[in-house]
Amino acid sequence: MTGEPPAEWLIELGDKQLAQGDPDRAIHYFNRALKKRPEDPAINLRLAEAYGLKGDSGAKMYYALAMEPLRRILRSDPRSEAANDKLLVLALQDGDP
């Protein structure tokens, strides 16, 4: 097989990296998956989660980065409960409600 792997495979790799506590690698895979499916809410939620974990480790700037994928979801689905909930939590953690 040549070329870029399918988005599903990249998502799976990102999920494995998140489960192993490596948000940096997870972010890498989720960003690659987003290049294939930029509006996919599941990928955007996972990317926000990975950035949020980086923020939890003390690098608060990652909370702001975690908000962008959630905003992408909300532009297409303003009623997304998962995105709204995560965005509120991140805003409180970032100190910028």
N, C-alpha and C. Protein backbone atom coordinates (compact mmCIF):
# COMPACT_ATOMS: atom_id res chain seq x y z
N MET A 1 0.85 -1.17 0.00
CA MET A 1 0.00 0.00 0.00
C MET A 1 0.90 1.24 0.00
N THR A 2 0.62 2.17 -0.87
CA THR A 2 1.39 3.40 -0.93
C THR A 2 0.50 4.57 -0.54
N GLY A 3 1.14 5.67 -0.17
CA GLY A 3 0.38 6.86 0.17
C GLY A 3 0.01 6.91 1.63
N GLU A 4 -0.84 7.86 1.93
CA GLU A 4 -1.29 8.11 3.30
C GLU A 4 -2.27 7.03 3.75
N PRO A 5 -2.14 6.56 4.99
CA PRO A 5 -3.10 5.56 5.49
C PRO A 5 -4.49 6.16 5.64
N PRO A 6 -5.52 5.31 5.68
CA PRO A 6 -6.89 5.82 5.82
C PRO A 6 -7.10 6.50 7.17
N ALA A 7 -8.07 7.38 7.22
CA ALA A 7 -8.36 8.14 8.43
C ALA A 7 -8.67 7.22 9.61
N GLU A 8 -9.39 6.14 9.37
CA GLU A 8 -9.76 5.22 10.45
C GLU A 8 -8.52 4.66 11.14
N TRP A 9 -7.51 4.34 10.35
CA TRP A 9 -6.27 3.79 10.88
C TRP A 9 -5.54 4.85 11.71
N LEU A 10 -5.52 6.08 11.22
CA LEU A 10 -4.87 7.17 11.94
C LEU A 10 -5.59 7.46 13.26
N ILE A 11 -6.92 7.39 13.24
CA ILE A 11 -7.70 7.59 14.46
C ILE A 11 -7.37 6.50 15.47
N GLU A 12 -7.31 5.28 15.01
CA GLU A 12 -6.99 4.16 15.90
C GLU A 12 -5.60 4.34 16.52
N LEU A 13 -4.65 4.76 15.72
CA LEU A 13 -3.30 5.00 16.25
C LEU A 13 -3.32 6.13 17.29
N GLY A 14 -4.06 7.18 17.00
CA GLY A 14 -4.19 8.27 17.96
C GLY A 14 -4.83 7.83 19.26
N ASP A 15 -5.89 7.01 19.15
CA ASP A 15 -6.55 6.49 20.35
C ASP A 15 -5.58 5.65 21.18
N LYS A 16 -4.77 4.84 20.53
CA LYS A 16 -3.79 4.00 21.25
C LYS A 16 -2.77 4.88 21.97
N GLN A 17 -2.32 5.92 21.29
CA GLN A 17 -1.34 6.81 21.92
C GLN A 17 -1.95 7.54 23.12
N LEU A 18 -3.21 7.94 23.00
CA LEU A 18 -3.88 8.58 24.13
C LEU A 18 -3.99 7.61 25.30
N ALA A 19 -4.37 6.38 25.02
CA ALA A 19 -4.50 5.37 26.07
C ALA A 19 -3.17 5.08 26.75
N GLN A 20 -2.08 5.23 26.01
CA GLN A 20 -0.75 4.99 26.56
C GLN A 20 -0.17 6.24 27.22
N GLY A 21 -0.94 7.32 27.25
CA GLY A 21 -0.50 8.53 27.92
C GLY A 21 0.45 9.39 27.11
N ASP A 22 0.39 9.28 25.78
CA ASP A 22 1.26 10.08 24.92
C ASP A 22 0.42 11.03 24.05
N PRO A 23 -0.02 12.16 24.64
CA PRO A 23 -0.88 13.07 23.87
C PRO A 23 -0.17 13.69 22.66
N ASP A 24 1.16 13.84 22.73
CA ASP A 24 1.88 14.41 21.58
C ASP A 24 1.72 13.56 20.33
N ARG A 25 1.91 12.26 20.48
CA ARG A 25 1.76 11.36 19.33
C ARG A 25 0.29 11.28 18.91
N ALA A 26 -0.61 11.31 19.89
CA ALA A 26 -2.04 11.29 19.56
C ALA A 26 -2.41 12.51 18.72
N ILE A 27 -1.91 13.68 19.12
CA ILE A 27 -2.18 14.91 18.38
C ILE A 27 -1.68 14.77 16.95
N HIS A 28 -0.51 14.19 16.79
CA HIS A 28 0.07 13.98 15.46
C HIS A 28 -0.89 13.15 14.58
N TYR A 29 -1.36 12.02 15.11
CA TYR A 29 -2.23 11.15 14.32
C TYR A 29 -3.60 11.78 14.07
N PHE A 30 -4.16 12.44 15.07
CA PHE A 30 -5.46 13.07 14.87
C PHE A 30 -5.38 14.20 13.85
N ASN A 31 -4.32 14.97 13.87
CA ASN A 31 -4.15 16.02 12.86
C ASN A 31 -4.03 15.43 11.46
N ARG A 32 -3.34 14.32 11.33
CA ARG A 32 -3.25 13.67 10.01
C ARG A 32 -4.62 13.17 9.56
N ALA A 33 -5.41 12.64 10.48
CA ALA A 33 -6.76 12.17 10.15
C ALA A 33 -7.65 13.35 9.75
N LEU A 34 -7.47 14.49 10.42
CA LEU A 34 -8.28 15.67 10.10
C LEU A 34 -7.98 16.21 8.71
N LYS A 35 -6.78 15.99 8.21
CA LYS A 35 -6.48 16.41 6.84
C LYS A 35 -7.36 15.68 5.84
N LYS A 36 -7.76 14.47 6.20
CA LYS A 36 -8.64 13.69 5.32
C LYS A 36 -10.11 14.01 5.55
N ARG A 37 -10.47 14.28 6.81
CA ARG A 37 -11.87 14.54 7.17
C ARG A 37 -11.94 15.71 8.15
N PRO A 38 -11.72 16.94 7.67
CA PRO A 38 -11.61 18.10 8.57
C PRO A 38 -12.85 18.42 9.39
N GLU A 39 -14.00 18.05 8.95
CA GLU A 39 -15.23 18.38 9.67
C GLU A 39 -15.75 17.23 10.53
N ASP A 40 -15.00 16.15 10.63
CA ASP A 40 -15.45 14.97 11.38
C ASP A 40 -15.48 15.31 12.87
N PRO A 41 -16.67 15.30 13.48
CA PRO A 41 -16.75 15.69 14.89
C PRO A 41 -16.00 14.72 15.82
N ALA A 42 -15.99 13.44 15.51
CA ALA A 42 -15.31 12.47 16.38
C ALA A 42 -13.81 12.74 16.43
N ILE A 43 -13.22 13.04 15.29
CA ILE A 43 -11.78 13.33 15.25
C ILE A 43 -11.51 14.64 15.98
N ASN A 44 -12.34 15.64 15.76
CA ASN A 44 -12.15 16.92 16.43
C ASN A 44 -12.28 16.78 17.94
N LEU A 45 -13.21 15.97 18.42
CA LEU A 45 -13.34 15.73 19.86
C LEU A 45 -12.09 15.05 20.43
N ARG A 46 -11.58 14.07 19.69
CA ARG A 46 -10.37 13.38 20.15
C ARG A 46 -9.17 14.33 20.19
N LEU A 47 -9.05 15.17 19.17
CA LEU A 47 -7.95 16.13 19.14
C LEU A 47 -8.06 17.10 20.32
N ALA A 48 -9.26 17.56 20.61
CA ALA A 48 -9.46 18.45 21.76
C ALA A 48 -9.08 17.74 23.06
N GLU A 49 -9.43 16.48 23.16
CA GLU A 49 -9.08 15.72 24.36
C GLU A 49 -7.56 15.61 24.52
N ALA A 50 -6.87 15.34 23.43
CA ALA A 50 -5.41 15.22 23.49
C ALA A 50 -4.77 16.55 23.88
N TYR A 51 -5.23 17.65 23.29
CA TYR A 51 -4.70 18.96 23.67
C TYR A 51 -5.03 19.27 25.14
N GLY A 52 -6.22 18.88 25.57
CA GLY A 52 -6.61 19.10 26.96
C GLY A 52 -5.71 18.36 27.93
N LEU A 53 -5.31 17.14 27.58
CA LEU A 53 -4.38 16.38 28.42
C LEU A 53 -3.03 17.09 28.52
N LYS A 54 -2.60 17.69 27.42
CA LYS A 54 -1.35 18.46 27.46
C LYS A 54 -1.52 19.65 28.40
N GLY A 55 -2.68 20.28 28.36
CA GLY A 55 -2.94 21.40 29.26
C GLY A 55 -2.96 20.97 30.71
N ASP A 56 -3.51 19.77 30.97
CA ASP A 56 -3.56 19.25 32.33
C ASP A 56 -2.16 19.02 32.90
N SER A 57 -1.18 18.81 32.02
CA SER A 57 0.18 18.55 32.49
C SER A 57 0.93 19.85 32.81
N GLY A 58 0.24 20.97 32.75
CA GLY A 58 0.84 22.23 33.17
C GLY A 58 1.05 23.24 32.06
N ALA A 59 0.90 22.85 30.81
CA ALA A 59 1.08 23.76 29.68
C ALA A 59 -0.29 24.33 29.30
N LYS A 60 -0.71 25.38 30.01
CA LYS A 60 -2.07 25.91 29.84
C LYS A 60 -2.38 26.39 28.43
N MET A 61 -1.35 26.72 27.64
CA MET A 61 -1.61 27.19 26.28
C MET A 61 -2.34 26.13 25.45
N TYR A 62 -2.20 24.85 25.86
CA TYR A 62 -2.86 23.79 25.12
C TYR A 62 -4.36 23.79 25.33
N TYR A 63 -4.83 24.40 26.41
CA TYR A 63 -6.28 24.53 26.58
C TYR A 63 -6.86 25.37 25.44
N ALA A 64 -6.17 26.44 25.09
CA ALA A 64 -6.64 27.29 23.99
C ALA A 64 -6.61 26.51 22.68
N LEU A 65 -5.57 25.70 22.47
CA LEU A 65 -5.50 24.89 21.25
C LEU A 65 -6.61 23.85 21.22
N ALA A 66 -7.00 23.34 22.38
CA ALA A 66 -8.07 22.34 22.45
C ALA A 66 -9.42 22.93 22.08
N MET A 67 -9.57 24.23 22.25
CA MET A 67 -10.86 24.86 21.96
C MET A 67 -11.15 24.95 20.47
N GLU A 68 -10.13 25.07 19.65
CA GLU A 68 -10.37 25.25 18.21
C GLU A 68 -11.10 24.07 17.57
N PRO A 69 -10.69 22.81 17.81
CA PRO A 69 -11.47 21.71 17.21
C PRO A 69 -12.92 21.69 17.68
N LEU A 70 -13.14 22.10 18.92
CA LEU A 70 -14.51 22.14 19.44
C LEU A 70 -15.32 23.22 18.74
N ARG A 71 -14.69 24.34 18.47
CA ARG A 71 -15.37 25.41 17.73
C ARG A 71 -15.71 24.97 16.30
N ARG A 72 -14.83 24.16 15.71
CA ARG A 72 -15.13 23.63 14.36
C ARG A 72 -16.40 22.81 14.40
N ILE A 73 -16.53 21.99 15.44
CA ILE A 73 -17.75 21.17 15.58
C ILE A 73 -18.97 22.07 15.73
N LEU A 74 -18.85 23.08 16.58
CA LEU A 74 -19.99 23.94 16.87
C LEU A 74 -20.41 24.81 15.70
N ARG A 75 -19.48 25.08 14.78
CA ARG A 75 -19.86 25.84 13.57
C ARG A 75 -20.84 25.02 12.72
N SER A 76 -20.65 23.71 12.70
CA SER A 76 -21.56 22.90 11.89
C SER A 76 -22.72 22.33 12.71
N ASP A 77 -22.53 22.19 14.01
CA ASP A 77 -23.59 21.66 14.88
C ASP A 77 -23.58 22.42 16.21
N PRO A 78 -24.22 23.60 16.24
CA PRO A 78 -24.20 24.42 17.46
C PRO A 78 -24.80 23.74 18.69
N ARG A 79 -25.55 22.69 18.48
CA ARG A 79 -26.20 22.00 19.61
C ARG A 79 -25.41 20.79 20.10
N SER A 80 -24.22 20.60 19.59
CA SER A 80 -23.42 19.45 20.02
C SER A 80 -23.15 19.54 21.51
N GLU A 81 -23.79 18.66 22.26
CA GLU A 81 -23.65 18.67 23.71
C GLU A 81 -22.21 18.35 24.12
N ALA A 82 -21.60 17.38 23.47
CA ALA A 82 -20.23 17.00 23.82
C ALA A 82 -19.26 18.16 23.61
N ALA A 83 -19.38 18.83 22.47
CA ALA A 83 -18.49 19.96 22.18
C ALA A 83 -18.74 21.13 23.12
N ASN A 84 -20.00 21.44 23.38
CA ASN A 84 -20.32 22.53 24.30
C ASN A 84 -19.81 22.25 25.71
N ASP A 85 -20.00 21.02 26.17
CA ASP A 85 -19.55 20.66 27.52
C ASP A 85 -18.03 20.75 27.63
N LYS A 86 -17.32 20.20 26.66
CA LYS A 86 -15.86 20.24 26.69
C LYS A 86 -15.33 21.66 26.57
N LEU A 87 -15.98 22.47 25.75
CA LEU A 87 -15.54 23.85 25.58
C LEU A 87 -15.70 24.63 26.89
N LEU A 88 -16.79 24.41 27.59
CA LEU A 88 -17.01 25.08 28.87
C LEU A 88 -15.95 24.66 29.88
N VAL A 89 -15.67 23.38 29.98
CA VAL A 89 -14.65 22.88 30.93
C VAL A 89 -13.28 23.46 30.59
N LEU A 90 -12.94 23.46 29.31
CA LEU A 90 -11.64 24.01 28.90
C LEU A 90 -11.53 25.50 29.18
N ALA A 91 -12.60 26.22 28.95
CA ALA A 91 -12.58 27.66 29.21
C ALA A 91 -12.37 27.94 30.71
N LEU A 92 -12.99 27.13 31.55
CA LEU A 92 -12.80 27.30 32.99
C LEU A 92 -11.39 26.93 33.41
N GLN A 93 -10.83 25.88 32.81
CA GLN A 93 -9.46 25.47 33.14
C GLN A 93 -8.46 26.51 32.66
N ASP A 94 -8.75 27.10 31.51
CA ASP A 94 -7.85 28.10 30.93
C ASP A 94 -7.96 29.42 31.67
N GLY A 95 -9.07 29.60 32.38
CA GLY A 95 -9.28 30.87 33.08
C GLY A 95 -9.84 31.94 32.18
N ASP A 96 -10.43 31.53 31.05
CA ASP A 96 -10.96 32.48 30.07
C ASP A 96 -12.38 32.09 29.69
N PRO A 97 -13.36 32.18 30.61
CA PRO A 97 -14.72 31.72 30.30
C PRO A 97 -15.45 32.54 29.26
